[in-house]
Amino acid sequence: MTEYKYIKNGETLKLDASACEGCGECVEVCPHGVFELSEGKAGIRDRELCMECGACARNCPASAIAVTTGVGCAAAIIIGKLTGSTPSCSCGSGSGKPCCG
């Protein structure tokens, strides 16, 4: 499976490891494998895989994860599809590449 990079440094994704209960819900629901469990705690495996969908935060029973949804590439792609326009977000700006390019 190809690992697409979405937002450089996953700008809004935050994990409070001290609040994590190690349930693994974030690992289970994340569509891009951003999280991993190690020694009974969640950790961020690769934050650039995050498309800021919010599934992890919504399903974390300990509220150890926070992410601002509706920003970045995922929103740009959805809006582009809905409006028939070319997706545009900050990750490609100035590079001559399309969104998430």
PDB file of N, CA and C in Angstrom:
ATOM      1  N   MET A   1       0.838  -1.174   0.000  1.00  0.00           N
ATOM      2  CA  MET A   1       0.000   0.000   0.000  1.00  0.00           C
ATOM      3  C   MET A   1       0.892   1.249   0.000  1.00  0.00           C
ATOM      4  N   THR A   2       0.554   2.192  -0.841  1.00  0.00           N
ATOM      5  CA  THR A   2       1.299   3.442  -0.918  1.00  0.00           C
ATOM      6  C   THR A   2       0.974   4.314   0.279  1.00  0.00           C
ATOM      7  N   GLU A   3       1.984   4.903   0.875  1.00  0.00           N
ATOM      8  CA  GLU A   3       1.766   5.842   1.980  1.00  0.00           C
ATOM      9  C   GLU A   3       1.845   7.249   1.424  1.00  0.00           C
ATOM     10  N   TYR A   4       0.688   7.914   1.339  1.00  0.00           N
ATOM     11  CA  TYR A   4       0.649   9.281   0.847  1.00  0.00           C
ATOM     12  C   TYR A   4       0.919  10.248   1.980  1.00  0.00           C
ATOM     13  N   LYS A   5       1.757  11.199   1.724  1.00  0.00           N
ATOM     14  CA  LYS A   5       2.034  12.258   2.686  1.00  0.00           C
ATOM     15  C   LYS A   5       1.013  13.355   2.436  1.00  0.00           C
ATOM     16  N   TYR A   6       0.427  13.893   3.483  1.00  0.00           N
ATOM     17  CA  TYR A   6      -0.630  14.875   3.324  1.00  0.00           C
ATOM     18  C   TYR A   6      -0.204  16.264   3.769  1.00  0.00           C
ATOM     19  N   ILE A   7       0.050  16.437   5.026  1.00  0.00           N
ATOM     20  CA  ILE A   7       0.334  17.768   5.544  1.00  0.00           C
ATOM     21  C   ILE A   7       1.692  17.725   6.222  1.00  0.00           C
ATOM     22  N   LYS A   8       2.595  18.535   5.762  1.00  0.00           N
ATOM     23  CA  LYS A   8       3.939  18.528   6.320  1.00  0.00           C
ATOM     24  C   LYS A   8       3.872  18.746   7.829  1.00  0.00           C
ATOM     25  N   ASN A   9       4.444  17.814   8.556  1.00  0.00           N
ATOM     26  CA  ASN A   9       4.500  17.832  10.019  1.00  0.00           C
ATOM     27  C   ASN A   9       3.132  17.699  10.692  1.00  0.00           C
ATOM     28  N   GLY A  10       2.059  17.348   9.969  1.00  0.00           N
ATOM     29  CA  GLY A  10       0.737  17.125  10.565  1.00  0.00           C
ATOM     30  C   GLY A  10       0.380  18.232  11.535  1.00  0.00           C
ATOM     31  N   GLU A  11       0.296  19.403  11.042  1.00  0.00           N
ATOM     32  CA  GLU A  11       0.308  20.615  11.837  1.00  0.00           C
ATOM     33  C   GLU A  11      -0.654  20.689  13.011  1.00  0.00           C
ATOM     34  N   THR A  12      -1.861  20.144  12.900  1.00  0.00           N
ATOM     35  CA  THR A  12      -2.790  20.301  14.025  1.00  0.00           C
ATOM     36  C   THR A  12      -2.892  19.057  14.905  1.00  0.00           C
ATOM     37  N   LEU A  13      -2.250  17.979  14.551  1.00  0.00           N
ATOM     38  CA  LEU A  13      -2.320  16.729  15.317  1.00  0.00           C
ATOM     39  C   LEU A  13      -1.519  16.832  16.604  1.00  0.00           C
ATOM     40  N   LYS A  14      -2.186  16.577  17.724  1.00  0.00           N
ATOM     41  CA  LYS A  14      -1.531  16.601  19.042  1.00  0.00           C
ATOM     42  C   LYS A  14      -1.873  15.314  19.789  1.00  0.00           C
ATOM     43  N   LEU A  15      -0.889  14.738  20.441  1.00  0.00           N
ATOM     44  CA  LEU A  15      -1.080  13.542  21.259  1.00  0.00           C
ATOM     45  C   LEU A  15      -0.496  13.790  22.637  1.00  0.00           C
ATOM     46  N   ASP A  16      -1.341  13.644  23.659  1.00  0.00           N
ATOM     47  CA  ASP A  16      -0.900  13.761  25.047  1.00  0.00           C
ATOM     48  C   ASP A  16      -0.626  12.346  25.550  1.00  0.00           C
ATOM     49  N   ALA A  17       0.621  11.912  25.434  1.00  0.00           N
ATOM     50  CA  ALA A  17       0.993  10.539  25.787  1.00  0.00           C
ATOM     51  C   ALA A  17       0.703  10.228  27.252  1.00  0.00           C
ATOM     52  N   SER A  18       0.775  11.224  28.121  1.00  0.00           N
ATOM     53  CA  SER A  18       0.511  10.976  29.539  1.00  0.00           C
ATOM     54  C   SER A  18      -0.965  10.662  29.796  1.00  0.00           C
ATOM     55  N   ALA A  19      -1.856  11.116  28.917  1.00  0.00           N
ATOM     56  CA  ALA A  19      -3.287  10.841  29.077  1.00  0.00           C
ATOM     57  C   ALA A  19      -3.699   9.542  28.379  1.00  0.00           C
ATOM     58  N   CYS A  20      -2.849   9.030  27.498  1.00  0.00           N
ATOM     59  CA  CYS A  20      -3.168   7.828  26.725  1.00  0.00           C
ATOM     60  C   CYS A  20      -3.340   6.618  27.646  1.00  0.00           C
ATOM     61  N   GLU A  21      -4.415   5.867  27.402  1.00  0.00           N
ATOM     62  CA  GLU A  21      -4.700   4.651  28.173  1.00  0.00           C
ATOM     63  C   GLU A  21      -4.240   3.385  27.455  1.00  0.00           C
ATOM     64  N   GLY A  22      -3.729   3.526  26.237  1.00  0.00           N
ATOM     65  CA  GLY A  22      -3.215   2.380  25.496  1.00  0.00           C
ATOM     66  C   GLY A  22      -4.270   1.458  24.929  1.00  0.00           C
ATOM     67  N   CYS A  23      -5.468   1.975  24.680  1.00  0.00           N
ATOM     68  CA  CYS A  23      -6.567   1.131  24.186  1.00  0.00           C
ATOM     69  C   CYS A  23      -6.388   0.719  22.724  1.00  0.00           C
ATOM     70  N   GLY A  24      -5.661   1.517  21.946  1.00  0.00           N
ATOM     71  CA  GLY A  24      -5.409   1.195  20.550  1.00  0.00           C
ATOM     72  C   GLY A  24      -6.491   1.639  19.577  1.00  0.00           C
ATOM     73  N   GLU A  25      -7.483   2.363  20.050  1.00  0.00           N
ATOM     74  CA  GLU A  25      -8.547   2.836  19.157  1.00  0.00           C
ATOM     75  C   GLU A  25      -7.989   3.702  18.038  1.00  0.00           C
ATOM     76  N   CYS A  26      -7.034   4.557  18.332  1.00  0.00           N
ATOM     77  CA  CYS A  26      -6.453   5.431  17.303  1.00  0.00           C
ATOM     78  C   CYS A  26      -5.789   4.609  16.203  1.00  0.00           C
ATOM     79  N   VAL A  27      -5.100   3.553  16.595  1.00  0.00           N
ATOM     80  CA  VAL A  27      -4.443   2.679  15.627  1.00  0.00           C
ATOM     81  C   VAL A  27      -5.498   2.013  14.748  1.00  0.00           C
ATOM     82  N   GLU A  28      -6.583   1.604  15.369  1.00  0.00           N
ATOM     83  CA  GLU A  28      -7.653   0.900  14.667  1.00  0.00           C
ATOM     84  C   GLU A  28      -8.402   1.789  13.676  1.00  0.00           C
ATOM     85  N   VAL A  29      -8.708   3.025  14.053  1.00  0.00           N
ATOM     86  CA  VAL A  29      -9.562   3.870  13.209  1.00  0.00           C
ATOM     87  C   VAL A  29      -8.806   4.742  12.218  1.00  0.00           C
ATOM     88  N   CYS A  30      -7.526   4.955  12.410  1.00  0.00           N
ATOM     89  CA  CYS A  30      -6.776   5.837  11.507  1.00  0.00           C
ATOM     90  C   CYS A  30      -6.652   5.189  10.130  1.00  0.00           C
ATOM     91  N   PRO A  31      -7.164   5.857   9.083  1.00  0.00           N
ATOM     92  CA  PRO A  31      -7.117   5.252   7.748  1.00  0.00           C
ATOM     93  C   PRO A  31      -5.732   5.234   7.117  1.00  0.00           C
ATOM     94  N   HIS A  32      -4.768   5.895   7.726  1.00  0.00           N
ATOM     95  CA  HIS A  32      -3.442   5.974   7.115  1.00  0.00           C
ATOM     96  C   HIS A  32      -2.303   5.512   8.013  1.00  0.00           C
ATOM     97  N   GLY A  33      -2.607   4.863   9.119  1.00  0.00           N
ATOM     98  CA  GLY A  33      -1.565   4.296   9.964  1.00  0.00           C
ATOM     99  C   GLY A  33      -0.645   5.309  10.613  1.00  0.00           C
ATOM    100  N   VAL A  34      -1.209   6.430  11.042  1.00  0.00           N
ATOM    101  CA  VAL A  34      -0.411   7.475  11.682  1.00  0.00           C
ATOM    102  C   VAL A  34       0.113   7.013  13.040  1.00  0.00           C
ATOM    103  N   PHE A  35      -0.680   6.197  13.746  1.00  0.00           N
ATOM    104  CA  PHE A  35      -0.354   5.813  15.122  1.00  0.00           C
ATOM    105  C   PHE A  35       0.174   4.394  15.220  1.00  0.00           C
ATOM    106  N   GLU A  36       0.910   4.147  16.304  1.00  0.00           N
ATOM    107  CA  GLU A  36       1.364   2.808  16.653  1.00  0.00           C
ATOM    108  C   GLU A  36       1.331   2.685  18.175  1.00  0.00           C
ATOM    109  N   LEU A  37       1.198   1.462  18.664  1.00  0.00           N
ATOM    110  CA  LEU A  37       1.259   1.222  20.105  1.00  0.00           C
ATOM    111  C   LEU A  37       2.634   0.696  20.451  1.00  0.00           C
ATOM    112  N   SER A  38       3.204   1.237  21.517  1.00  0.00           N
ATOM    113  CA  SER A  38       4.495   0.786  21.992  1.00  0.00           C
ATOM    114  C   SER A  38       4.505   0.901  23.505  1.00  0.00           C
ATOM    115  N   GLU A  39       4.827  -0.190  24.158  1.00  0.00           N
ATOM    116  CA  GLU A  39       4.888  -0.225  25.619  1.00  0.00           C
ATOM    117  C   GLU A  39       3.602   0.280  26.265  1.00  0.00           C
ATOM    118  N   GLY A  40       2.470  -0.094  25.671  1.00  0.00           N
ATOM    119  CA  GLY A  40       1.168   0.232  26.257  1.00  0.00           C
ATOM    120  C   GLY A  40       0.686   1.654  26.048  1.00  0.00           C
ATOM    121  N   LYS A  41       1.326   2.394  25.164  1.00  0.00           N
ATOM    122  CA  LYS A  41       0.936   3.776  24.880  1.00  0.00           C
ATOM    123  C   LYS A  41       0.921   4.007  23.375  1.00  0.00           C
ATOM    124  N   ALA A  42       0.044   4.899  22.937  1.00  0.00           N
ATOM    125  CA  ALA A  42       0.024   5.286  21.528  1.00  0.00           C
ATOM    126  C   ALA A  42       1.155   6.258  21.257  1.00  0.00           C
ATOM    127  N   GLY A  43       1.655   6.183  20.058  1.00  0.00           N
ATOM    128  CA  GLY A  43       2.670   7.127  19.604  1.00  0.00           C
ATOM    129  C   GLY A  43       2.394   7.475  18.159  1.00  0.00           C
ATOM    130  N   ILE A  44       2.914   8.578  17.712  1.00  0.00           N
ATOM    131  CA  ILE A  44       2.735   8.985  16.330  1.00  0.00           C
ATOM    132  C   ILE A  44       3.863   8.372  15.513  1.00  0.00           C
ATOM    133  N   ARG A  45       3.510   7.472  14.610  1.00  0.00           N
ATOM    134  CA  ARG A  45       4.472   6.773  13.760  1.00  0.00           C
ATOM    135  C   ARG A  45       4.998   7.694  12.662  1.00  0.00           C
ATOM    136  N   ASP A  46       4.090   8.421  12.003  1.00  0.00           N
ATOM    137  CA  ASP A  46       4.480   9.355  10.939  1.00  0.00           C
ATOM    138  C   ASP A  46       3.388  10.403  10.812  1.00  0.00           C
ATOM    139  N   ARG A  47       3.638  11.574  11.356  1.00  0.00           N
ATOM    140  CA  ARG A  47       2.602  12.615  11.384  1.00  0.00           C
ATOM    141  C   ARG A  47       2.261  13.153  10.004  1.00  0.00           C
ATOM    142  N   GLU A  48       3.148  13.004   9.017  1.00  0.00           N
ATOM    143  CA  GLU A  48       2.850  13.490   7.671  1.00  0.00           C
ATOM    144  C   GLU A  48       1.843  12.619   6.935  1.00  0.00           C
ATOM    145  N   LEU A  49       1.510  11.456   7.481  1.00  0.00           N
ATOM    146  CA  LEU A  49       0.462  10.614   6.903  1.00  0.00           C
ATOM    147  C   LEU A  49      -0.928  11.119   7.309  1.00  0.00           C
ATOM    148  N   CYS A  50      -0.986  11.977   8.305  1.00  0.00           N
ATOM    149  CA  CYS A  50      -2.259  12.483   8.829  1.00  0.00           C
ATOM    150  C   CYS A  50      -2.941  13.399   7.821  1.00  0.00           C
ATOM    151  N   MET A  51      -4.219  13.115   7.548  1.00  0.00           N
ATOM    152  CA  MET A  51      -4.987  13.988   6.670  1.00  0.00           C
ATOM    153  C   MET A  51      -5.998  14.803   7.474  1.00  0.00           C
ATOM    154  N   GLU A  52      -5.833  14.804   8.795  1.00  0.00           N
ATOM    155  CA  GLU A  52      -6.645  15.605   9.710  1.00  0.00           C
ATOM    156  C   GLU A  52      -8.144  15.323   9.573  1.00  0.00           C
ATOM    157  N   CYS A  53      -8.497  14.029   9.476  1.00  0.00           N
ATOM    158  CA  CYS A  53      -9.905  13.651   9.358  1.00  0.00           C
ATOM    159  C   CYS A  53     -10.618  13.684  10.704  1.00  0.00           C
ATOM    160  N   GLY A  54      -9.881  13.490  11.794  1.00  0.00           N
ATOM    161  CA  GLY A  54     -10.451  13.557  13.134  1.00  0.00           C
ATOM    162  C   GLY A  54     -10.941  12.246  13.710  1.00  0.00           C
ATOM    163  N   ALA A  55     -10.818  11.150  12.979  1.00  0.00           N
ATOM    164  CA  ALA A  55     -11.298   9.854  13.472  1.00  0.00           C
ATOM    165  C   ALA A  55     -10.617   9.457  14.773  1.00  0.00           C
ATOM    166  N   CYS A  56      -9.325   9.729  14.884  1.00  0.00           N
ATOM    167  CA  CYS A  56      -8.577   9.355  16.085  1.00  0.00           C
ATOM    168  C   CYS A  56      -9.099  10.099  17.316  1.00  0.00           C
ATOM    169  N   ALA A  57      -9.239  11.405  17.207  1.00  0.00           N
ATOM    170  CA  ALA A  57      -9.697  12.217  18.340  1.00  0.00           C
ATOM    171  C   ALA A  57     -11.127  11.867  18.716  1.00  0.00           C
ATOM    172  N   ARG A  58     -11.953  11.631  17.713  1.00  0.00           N
ATOM    173  CA  ARG A  58     -13.361  11.310  17.959  1.00  0.00           C
ATOM    174  C   ARG A  58     -13.525   9.986  18.692  1.00  0.00           C
ATOM    175  N   ASN A  59     -12.590   9.065  18.488  1.00  0.00           N
ATOM    176  CA  ASN A  59     -12.699   7.725  19.071  1.00  0.00           C
ATOM    177  C   ASN A  59     -11.800   7.479  20.271  1.00  0.00           C
ATOM    178  N   CYS A  60     -11.025   8.461  20.688  1.00  0.00           N
ATOM    179  CA  CYS A  60     -10.132   8.291  21.830  1.00  0.00           C
ATOM    180  C   CYS A  60     -10.924   8.471  23.128  1.00  0.00           C
ATOM    181  N   PRO A  61     -11.099   7.389  23.910  1.00  0.00           N
ATOM    182  CA  PRO A  61     -11.882   7.496  25.138  1.00  0.00           C
ATOM    183  C   PRO A  61     -11.203   8.338  26.224  1.00  0.00           C
ATOM    184  N   ALA A  62      -9.891   8.545  26.109  1.00  0.00           N
ATOM    185  CA  ALA A  62      -9.151   9.311  27.110  1.00  0.00           C
ATOM    186  C   ALA A  62      -8.975  10.781  26.711  1.00  0.00           C
ATOM    187  N   SER A  63      -9.492  11.147  25.541  1.00  0.00           N
ATOM    188  CA  SER A  63      -9.316  12.509  25.008  1.00  0.00           C
ATOM    189  C   SER A  63      -7.835  12.909  24.958  1.00  0.00           C
ATOM    190  N   ALA A  64      -6.991  11.935  24.626  1.00  0.00           N
ATOM    191  CA  ALA A  64      -5.556  12.173  24.566  1.00  0.00           C
ATOM    192  C   ALA A  64      -5.109  12.731  23.219  1.00  0.00           C
ATOM    193  N   ILE A  65      -6.025  12.743  22.246  1.00  0.00           N
ATOM    194  CA  ILE A  65      -5.680  13.199  20.899  1.00  0.00           C
ATOM    195  C   ILE A  65      -6.547  14.397  20.536  1.00  0.00           C
ATOM    196  N   ALA A  66      -5.915  15.378  19.926  1.00  0.00           N
ATOM    197  CA  ALA A  66      -6.625  16.543  19.410  1.00  0.00           C
ATOM    198  C   ALA A  66      -6.149  16.794  17.989  1.00  0.00           C
ATOM    199  N   VAL A  67      -7.070  17.156  17.129  1.00  0.00           N
ATOM    200  CA  VAL A  67      -6.744  17.498  15.743  1.00  0.00           C
ATOM    201  C   VAL A  67      -7.826  18.430  15.223  1.00  0.00           C
ATOM    202  N   THR A  68      -7.429  19.418  14.467  1.00  0.00           N
ATOM    203  CA  THR A  68      -8.397  20.319  13.856  1.00  0.00           C
ATOM    204  C   THR A  68      -8.805  19.732  12.522  1.00  0.00           C
ATOM    205  N   THR A  69     -10.087  19.399  12.383  1.00  0.00           N
ATOM    206  CA  THR A  69     -10.571  18.808  11.139  1.00  0.00           C
ATOM    207  C   THR A  69     -10.998  19.896  10.168  1.00  0.00           C
ATOM    208  N   GLY A  70     -11.109  19.515   8.900  1.00  0.00           N
ATOM    209  CA  GLY A  70     -11.559  20.442   7.881  1.00  0.00           C
ATOM    210  C   GLY A  70     -10.487  21.387   7.395  1.00  0.00           C
ATOM    211  N   VAL A  71      -9.232  21.035   7.639  1.00  0.00           N
ATOM    212  CA  VAL A  71      -8.121  21.856   7.167  1.00  0.00           C
ATOM    213  C   VAL A  71      -7.229  20.994   6.292  1.00  0.00           C
ATOM    214  N   GLY A  72      -6.308  21.601   5.623  1.00  0.00           N
ATOM    215  CA  GLY A  72      -5.302  20.851   4.891  1.00  0.00           C
ATOM    216  C   GLY A  72      -5.815  20.151   3.647  1.00  0.00           C
ATOM    217  N   CYS A  73      -5.088  19.126   3.260  1.00  0.00           N
ATOM    218  CA  CYS A  73      -5.307  18.457   1.983  1.00  0.00           C
ATOM    219  C   CYS A  73      -6.625  17.716   1.885  1.00  0.00           C
ATOM    220  N   ALA A  74      -7.047  17.053   2.941  1.00  0.00           N
ATOM    221  CA  ALA A  74      -8.300  16.307   2.866  1.00  0.00           C
ATOM    222  C   ALA A  74      -9.443  17.240   2.511  1.00  0.00           C
ATOM    223  N   ALA A  75      -9.526  18.373   3.183  1.00  0.00           N
ATOM    224  CA  ALA A  75     -10.581  19.336   2.890  1.00  0.00           C
ATOM    225  C   ALA A  75     -10.435  19.875   1.477  1.00  0.00           C
ATOM    226  N   ALA A  76      -9.219  20.161   1.050  1.00  0.00           N
ATOM    227  CA  ALA A  76      -8.993  20.692  -0.295  1.00  0.00           C
ATOM    228  C   ALA A  76      -9.440  19.702  -1.364  1.00  0.00           C
ATOM    229  N   ILE A  77      -9.138  18.434  -1.168  1.00  0.00           N
ATOM    230  CA  ILE A  77      -9.528  17.411  -2.138  1.00  0.00           C
ATOM    231  C   ILE A  77     -11.046  17.275  -2.197  1.00  0.00           C
ATOM    232  N   ILE A  78     -11.696  17.234  -1.042  1.00  0.00           N
ATOM    233  CA  ILE A  78     -13.156  17.102  -1.002  1.00  0.00           C
ATOM    234  C   ILE A  78     -13.821  18.312  -1.648  1.00  0.00           C
ATOM    235  N   ILE A  79     -13.377  19.502  -1.295  1.00  0.00           N
ATOM    236  CA  ILE A  79     -13.957  20.726  -1.874  1.00  0.00           C
ATOM    237  C   ILE A  79     -13.720  20.755  -3.385  1.00  0.00           C
ATOM    238  N   GLY A  80     -12.541  20.348  -3.827  1.00  0.00           N
ATOM    239  CA  GLY A  80     -12.246  20.285  -5.257  1.00  0.00           C
ATOM    240  C   GLY A  80     -13.186  19.357  -5.993  1.00  0.00           C
ATOM    241  N   LYS A  81     -13.447  18.181  -5.409  1.00  0.00           N
ATOM    242  CA  LYS A  81     -14.369  17.219  -6.027  1.00  0.00           C
ATOM    243  C   LYS A  81     -15.791  17.771  -6.068  1.00  0.00           C
ATOM    244  N   LEU A  82     -16.221  18.393  -4.983  1.00  0.00           N
ATOM    245  CA  LEU A  82     -17.585  18.922  -4.915  1.00  0.00           C
ATOM    246  C   LEU A  82     -17.811  20.095  -5.862  1.00  0.00           C
ATOM    247  N   THR A  83     -16.791  20.899  -6.054  1.00  0.00           N
ATOM    248  CA  THR A  83     -16.941  22.097  -6.888  1.00  0.00           C
ATOM    249  C   THR A  83     -16.412  21.913  -8.303  1.00  0.00           C
ATOM    250  N   GLY A  84     -15.764  20.785  -8.569  1.00  0.00           N
ATOM    251  CA  GLY A  84     -15.200  20.546  -9.888  1.00  0.00           C
ATOM    252  C   GLY A  84     -13.952  21.370 -10.162  1.00  0.00           C
ATOM    253  N   SER A  85     -13.313  21.840  -9.107  1.00  0.00           N
ATOM    254  CA  SER A  85     -12.110  22.651  -9.258  1.00  0.00           C
ATOM    255  C   SER A  85     -10.874  21.845  -8.874  1.00  0.00           C
ATOM    256  N   THR A  86      -9.709  22.400  -9.169  1.00  0.00           N
ATOM    257  CA  THR A  86      -8.450  21.763  -8.804  1.00  0.00           C
ATOM    258  C   THR A  86      -8.217  21.960  -7.314  1.00  0.00           C
ATOM    259  N   PRO A  87      -7.941  20.880  -6.578  1.00  0.00           N
ATOM    260  CA  PRO A  87      -7.673  21.029  -5.143  1.00  0.00           C
ATOM    261  C   PRO A  87      -6.501  21.970  -4.899  1.00  0.00           C
ATOM    262  N   SER A  88      -6.626  22.775  -3.872  1.00  0.00           N
ATOM    263  CA  SER A  88      -5.572  23.721  -3.550  1.00  0.00           C
ATOM    264  C   SER A  88      -5.425  23.823  -2.037  1.00  0.00           C
ATOM    265  N   CYS A  89      -4.225  23.596  -1.554  1.00  0.00           N
ATOM    266  CA  CYS A  89      -3.944  23.765  -0.134  1.00  0.00           C
ATOM    267  C   CYS A  89      -2.513  24.271   0.007  1.00  0.00           C
ATOM    268  N   SER A  90      -2.115  24.557   1.197  1.00  0.00           N
ATOM    269  CA  SER A  90      -0.814  25.182   1.426  1.00  0.00           C
ATOM    270  C   SER A  90       0.380  24.279   1.141  1.00  0.00           C
ATOM    271  N   CYS A  91       0.187  22.975   1.123  1.00  0.00           N
ATOM    272  CA  CYS A  91       1.353  22.095   0.971  1.00  0.00           C
ATOM    273  C   CYS A  91       1.987  22.178  -0.404  1.00  0.00           C
ATOM    274  N   GLY A  92       1.239  22.582  -1.402  1.00  0.00           N
ATOM    275  CA  GLY A  92       1.804  22.661  -2.733  1.00  0.00           C
ATOM    276  C   GLY A  92       2.116  24.088  -3.154  1.00  0.00           C
ATOM    277  N   SER A  93       1.786  25.051  -2.325  1.00  0.00           N
ATOM    278  CA  SER A  93       1.938  26.443  -2.731  1.00  0.00           C
ATOM    279  C   SER A  93       3.406  26.796  -2.967  1.00  0.00           C
ATOM    280  N   GLY A  94       3.609  27.478  -4.067  1.00  0.00           N
ATOM    281  CA  GLY A  94       4.954  27.921  -4.386  1.00  0.00           C
ATOM    282  C   GLY A  94       5.824  26.862  -5.040  1.00  0.00           C
ATOM    283  N   SER A  95       5.351  25.622  -5.081  1.00  0.00           N
ATOM    284  CA  SER A  95       6.181  24.556  -5.633  1.00  0.00           C
ATOM    285  C   SER A  95       5.803  24.216  -7.069  1.00  0.00           C
ATOM    286  N   GLY A  96       4.665  24.758  -7.536  1.00  0.00           N
ATOM    287  CA  GLY A  96       4.198  24.433  -8.863  1.00  0.00           C
ATOM    288  C   GLY A  96       3.513  23.081  -8.917  1.00  0.00           C
ATOM    289  N   LYS A  97       3.377  22.431  -7.767  1.00  0.00           N
ATOM    290  CA  LYS A  97       2.738  21.128  -7.685  1.00  0.00           C
ATOM    291  C   LYS A  97       1.301  21.290  -7.222  1.00  0.00           C
ATOM    292  N   PRO A  98       0.407  20.360  -7.577  1.00  0.00           N
ATOM    293  CA  PRO A  98      -0.955  20.416  -7.069  1.00  0.00           C
ATOM    294  C   PRO A  98      -0.979  20.040  -5.594  1.00  0.00           C
ATOM    295  N   CYS A  99      -2.136  20.157  -5.002  1.00  0.00           N
ATOM    296  CA  CYS A  99      -2.321  19.789  -3.600  1.00  0.00           C
ATOM    297  C   CYS A  99      -1.778  18.389  -3.358  1.00  0.00           C
ATOM    298  N   CYS A 100      -1.069  18.218  -2.295  1.00  0.00           N
ATOM    299  CA  CYS A 100      -0.512  16.924  -1.878  1.00  0.00           C
ATOM    300  C   CYS A 100       0.443  16.357  -2.902  1.00  0.00           C
ATOM    301  N   GLY A 101       0.978  17.185  -3.754  1.00  0.00           N
ATOM    302  CA  GLY A 101       1.903  16.710  -4.781  1.00  0.00           C
ATOM    303  C   GLY A 101       3.238  16.510  -4.219  1.00  0.00           C
TER     304      GLY A 101
END
